């Protein structure tokens, strides 16, 4: 088996919580969880930030990008940061299909930016 081009890393806060992993486990049914897991492996791990040049992603600025997956009712959004040569940090996620409001999208982006800022600060120590 050929190794993936990029490695995915779940953001972990200072208390050990991993918001994206918790979202996958607690907020999604088994079918949606499998769909997102497959997309993360076959698309994000292979393309990394280059997914932003496709329907699967878009840059959000300040080191943040959005990985998108549309599967029937599911409109998954996973907020990511590429660092190093081959690492993608998964900072936040939600199902936009359940709440398509711009307000929710902006709030999720704000949370992901805060996590990225906090993560970068910890990397400097």
C-alpha atoms as a PDB file:
ATOM      1  CA  UNK A   1       0.000   0.000   0.000  1.00  0.00           C
ATOM      2  CA  UNK A   2       1.354   3.421  -0.990  1.00  0.00           C
ATOM      3  CA  UNK A   3       1.513   5.892   1.926  1.00  0.00           C
ATOM      4  CA  UNK A   4      -0.706   8.984   1.712  1.00  0.00           C
ATOM      5  CA  UNK A   5       0.891  12.213   0.626  1.00  0.00           C
ATOM      6  CA  UNK A   6      -0.364  14.059   3.725  1.00  0.00           C
ATOM      7  CA  UNK A   7      -0.933  13.065   7.325  1.00  0.00           C
ATOM      8  CA  UNK A   8      -4.010  14.250   9.188  1.00  0.00           C
ATOM      9  CA  UNK A   9      -3.653  15.401  12.773  1.00  0.00           C
ATOM     10  CA  UNK A  10      -6.564  16.127  15.093  1.00  0.00           C
ATOM     11  CA  UNK A  11      -6.246  19.423  16.977  1.00  0.00           C
ATOM     12  CA  UNK A  12      -6.115  18.747  20.708  1.00  0.00           C
ATOM     13  CA  UNK A  13      -6.898  21.515  23.196  1.00  0.00           C
ATOM     14  CA  UNK A  14      -5.066  21.993  26.492  1.00  0.00           C
ATOM     15  CA  UNK A  15      -7.571  19.659  28.201  1.00  0.00           C
ATOM     16  CA  UNK A  16      -6.972  16.863  25.704  1.00  0.00           C
ATOM     17  CA  UNK A  17     -10.254  17.332  23.838  1.00  0.00           C
ATOM     18  CA  UNK A  18     -10.235  16.680  20.102  1.00  0.00           C
ATOM     19  CA  UNK A  19     -13.244  18.585  18.675  1.00  0.00           C
ATOM     20  CA  UNK A  20     -13.198  17.053  15.190  1.00  0.00           C
ATOM     21  CA  UNK A  21     -12.845  13.502  16.493  1.00  0.00           C
ATOM     22  CA  UNK A  22     -15.661  14.189  18.993  1.00  0.00           C
ATOM     23  CA  UNK A  23     -17.858  15.583  16.184  1.00  0.00           C
ATOM     24  CA  UNK A  24     -17.245  12.466  14.108  1.00  0.00           C
ATOM     25  CA  UNK A  25     -18.086  10.162  17.039  1.00  0.00           C
ATOM     26  CA  UNK A  26     -20.960  12.022  18.648  1.00  0.00           C
ATOM     27  CA  UNK A  27     -22.754  14.115  16.028  1.00  0.00           C
ATOM     28  CA  UNK A  28     -22.833  11.831  13.012  1.00  0.00           C
ATOM     29  CA  UNK A  29     -24.495   8.567  12.203  1.00  0.00           C
ATOM     30  CA  UNK A  30     -22.428   5.587  11.050  1.00  0.00           C
ATOM     31  CA  UNK A  31     -23.053   6.174   7.326  1.00  0.00           C
ATOM     32  CA  UNK A  32     -22.057   9.862   7.451  1.00  0.00           C
ATOM     33  CA  UNK A  33     -19.031   8.997   9.592  1.00  0.00           C
ATOM     34  CA  UNK A  34     -17.907   6.444   6.990  1.00  0.00           C
ATOM     35  CA  UNK A  35     -18.448   8.914   4.129  1.00  0.00           C
ATOM     36  CA  UNK A  36     -16.412  11.630   5.811  1.00  0.00           C
ATOM     37  CA  UNK A  37     -13.691   9.195   6.860  1.00  0.00           C
ATOM     38  CA  UNK A  38     -13.384   7.939   3.288  1.00  0.00           C
ATOM     39  CA  UNK A  39     -13.275  11.493   1.900  1.00  0.00           C
ATOM     40  CA  UNK A  40     -10.644  12.563   4.410  1.00  0.00           C
ATOM     41  CA  UNK A  41      -8.496   9.560   3.438  1.00  0.00           C
ATOM     42  CA  UNK A  42      -9.003   9.593  -0.338  1.00  0.00           C
ATOM     43  CA  UNK A  43      -9.178  13.327  -0.976  1.00  0.00           C
ATOM     44  CA  UNK A  44      -7.679  15.394   1.845  1.00  0.00           C
ATOM     45  CA  UNK A  45      -4.806  13.030   2.633  1.00  0.00           C
ATOM     46  CA  UNK A  46      -3.935  12.811  -1.051  1.00  0.00           C
ATOM     47  CA  UNK A  47      -4.437  16.430  -2.119  1.00  0.00           C
ATOM     48  CA  UNK A  48      -3.831  18.380   1.080  1.00  0.00           C
ATOM     49  CA  UNK A  49      -4.306  22.102   0.593  1.00  0.00           C
ATOM     50  CA  UNK A  50      -4.523  21.518  -3.174  1.00  0.00           C
ATOM     51  CA  UNK A  51      -8.101  20.416  -2.514  1.00  0.00           C
ATOM     52  CA  UNK A  52      -8.807  24.162  -2.403  1.00  0.00           C
ATOM     53  CA  UNK A  53      -8.509  24.156  -6.180  1.00  0.00           C
ATOM     54  CA  UNK A  54     -11.472  21.777  -6.412  1.00  0.00           C
ATOM     55  CA  UNK A  55     -15.088  21.604  -5.276  1.00  0.00           C
ATOM     56  CA  UNK A  56     -13.780  19.964  -2.073  1.00  0.00           C
ATOM     57  CA  UNK A  57     -12.114  23.016  -0.595  1.00  0.00           C
ATOM     58  CA  UNK A  58     -11.616  26.727  -0.397  1.00  0.00           C
ATOM     59  CA  UNK A  59      -9.056  28.951   1.293  1.00  0.00           C
ATOM     60  CA  UNK A  60     -10.352  31.088   4.157  1.00  0.00           C
ATOM     61  CA  UNK A  61      -7.198  33.137   4.703  1.00  0.00           C
ATOM     62  CA  UNK A  62      -4.835  33.469   7.654  1.00  0.00           C
ATOM     63  CA  UNK A  63      -3.649  29.866   7.281  1.00  0.00           C
ATOM     64  CA  UNK A  64      -7.121  28.327   7.421  1.00  0.00           C
ATOM     65  CA  UNK A  65      -8.927  26.388   4.727  1.00  0.00           C
ATOM     66  CA  UNK A  66     -12.213  24.545   4.509  1.00  0.00           C
ATOM     67  CA  UNK A  67     -12.603  20.957   3.335  1.00  0.00           C
ATOM     68  CA  UNK A  68     -16.123  20.376   2.023  1.00  0.00           C
ATOM     69  CA  UNK A  69     -18.079  17.215   1.406  1.00  0.00           C
ATOM     70  CA  UNK A  70     -21.602  16.980   0.003  1.00  0.00           C
ATOM     71  CA  UNK A  71     -23.333  13.615   0.386  1.00  0.00           C
ATOM     72  CA  UNK A  72     -27.142  13.604   0.082  1.00  0.00           C
ATOM     73  CA  UNK A  73     -28.290  15.415   3.269  1.00  0.00           C
ATOM     74  CA  UNK A  74     -24.781  15.875   4.664  1.00  0.00           C
ATOM     75  CA  UNK A  75     -22.911  19.122   3.941  1.00  0.00           C
ATOM     76  CA  UNK A  76     -19.793  18.555   6.014  1.00  0.00           C
ATOM     77  CA  UNK A  77     -17.352  21.378   6.640  1.00  0.00           C
ATOM     78  CA  UNK A  78     -13.970  20.605   8.185  1.00  0.00           C
ATOM     79  CA  UNK A  79     -11.674  23.528   8.988  1.00  0.00           C
ATOM     80  CA  UNK A  80      -7.988  22.784   8.468  1.00  0.00           C
ATOM     81  CA  UNK A  81      -4.473  24.206   8.575  1.00  0.00           C
ATOM     82  CA  UNK A  82      -1.567  22.879   6.505  1.00  0.00           C
ATOM     83  CA  UNK A  83       1.844  22.961   8.149  1.00  0.00           C
ATOM     84  CA  UNK A  84       5.201  21.356   7.752  1.00  0.00           C
ATOM     85  CA  UNK A  85       5.722  19.522   4.530  1.00  0.00           C
ATOM     86  CA  UNK A  86       2.910  16.999   4.763  1.00  0.00           C
ATOM     87  CA  UNK A  87       0.661  17.686   7.749  1.00  0.00           C
ATOM     88  CA  UNK A  88      -2.953  18.825   7.890  1.00  0.00           C
ATOM     89  CA  UNK A  89      -4.342  19.926  11.271  1.00  0.00           C
ATOM     90  CA  UNK A  90      -8.111  19.355  11.657  1.00  0.00           C
ATOM     91  CA  UNK A  91      -9.389  22.238  13.792  1.00  0.00           C
ATOM     92  CA  UNK A  92     -13.172  22.113  13.664  1.00  0.00           C
ATOM     93  CA  UNK A  93     -16.133  20.638  11.823  1.00  0.00           C
ATOM     94  CA  UNK A  94     -19.883  20.759  11.513  1.00  0.00           C
ATOM     95  CA  UNK A  95     -22.756  19.715   9.267  1.00  0.00           C
ATOM     96  CA  UNK A  96     -23.861  22.779   7.342  1.00  0.00           C
ATOM     97  CA  UNK A  97     -26.891  20.805   6.128  1.00  0.00           C
ATOM     98  CA  UNK A  98     -28.306  20.911   9.668  1.00  0.00           C
ATOM     99  CA  UNK A  99     -27.710  24.673  10.002  1.00  0.00           C
ATOM    100  CA  UNK A 100     -26.964  26.445   6.704  1.00  0.00           C
ATOM    101  CA  UNK A 101     -27.043  29.935   8.191  1.00  0.00           C
ATOM    102  CA  UNK A 102     -24.214  32.356   7.464  1.00  0.00           C
ATOM    103  CA  UNK A 103     -24.137  33.175  11.168  1.00  0.00           C
ATOM    104  CA  UNK A 104     -23.328  29.551  12.055  1.00  0.00           C
ATOM    105  CA  UNK A 105     -20.680  29.342   9.322  1.00  0.00           C
ATOM    106  CA  UNK A 106     -19.006  32.527  10.569  1.00  0.00           C
ATOM    107  CA  UNK A 107     -19.108  31.281  14.167  1.00  0.00           C
ATOM    108  CA  UNK A 108     -17.493  27.958  13.213  1.00  0.00           C
ATOM    109  CA  UNK A 109     -14.761  29.781  11.273  1.00  0.00           C
ATOM    110  CA  UNK A 110     -14.156  32.070  14.245  1.00  0.00           C
ATOM    111  CA  UNK A 111     -13.789  29.076  16.581  1.00  0.00           C
ATOM    112  CA  UNK A 112     -11.380  27.365  14.156  1.00  0.00           C
ATOM    113  CA  UNK A 113      -9.293  30.552  13.896  1.00  0.00           C
ATOM    114  CA  UNK A 114      -9.136  30.748  17.690  1.00  0.00           C
ATOM    115  CA  UNK A 115      -7.998  27.139  17.920  1.00  0.00           C
ATOM    116  CA  UNK A 116      -5.363  27.741  15.259  1.00  0.00           C
ATOM    117  CA  UNK A 117      -4.064  30.787  17.108  1.00  0.00           C
ATOM    118  CA  UNK A 118      -3.925  28.873  20.386  1.00  0.00           C
ATOM    119  CA  UNK A 119      -2.208  25.903  18.693  1.00  0.00           C
ATOM    120  CA  UNK A 120       0.421  28.169  17.112  1.00  0.00           C
ATOM    121  CA  UNK A 121       1.109  29.771  20.489  1.00  0.00           C
ATOM    122  CA  UNK A 122       1.667  26.351  22.058  1.00  0.00           C
ATOM    123  CA  UNK A 123       4.020  25.384  19.224  1.00  0.00           C
ATOM    124  CA  UNK A 124       6.275  28.341  20.082  1.00  0.00           C
ATOM    125  CA  UNK A 125       6.809  27.229  23.696  1.00  0.00           C
END
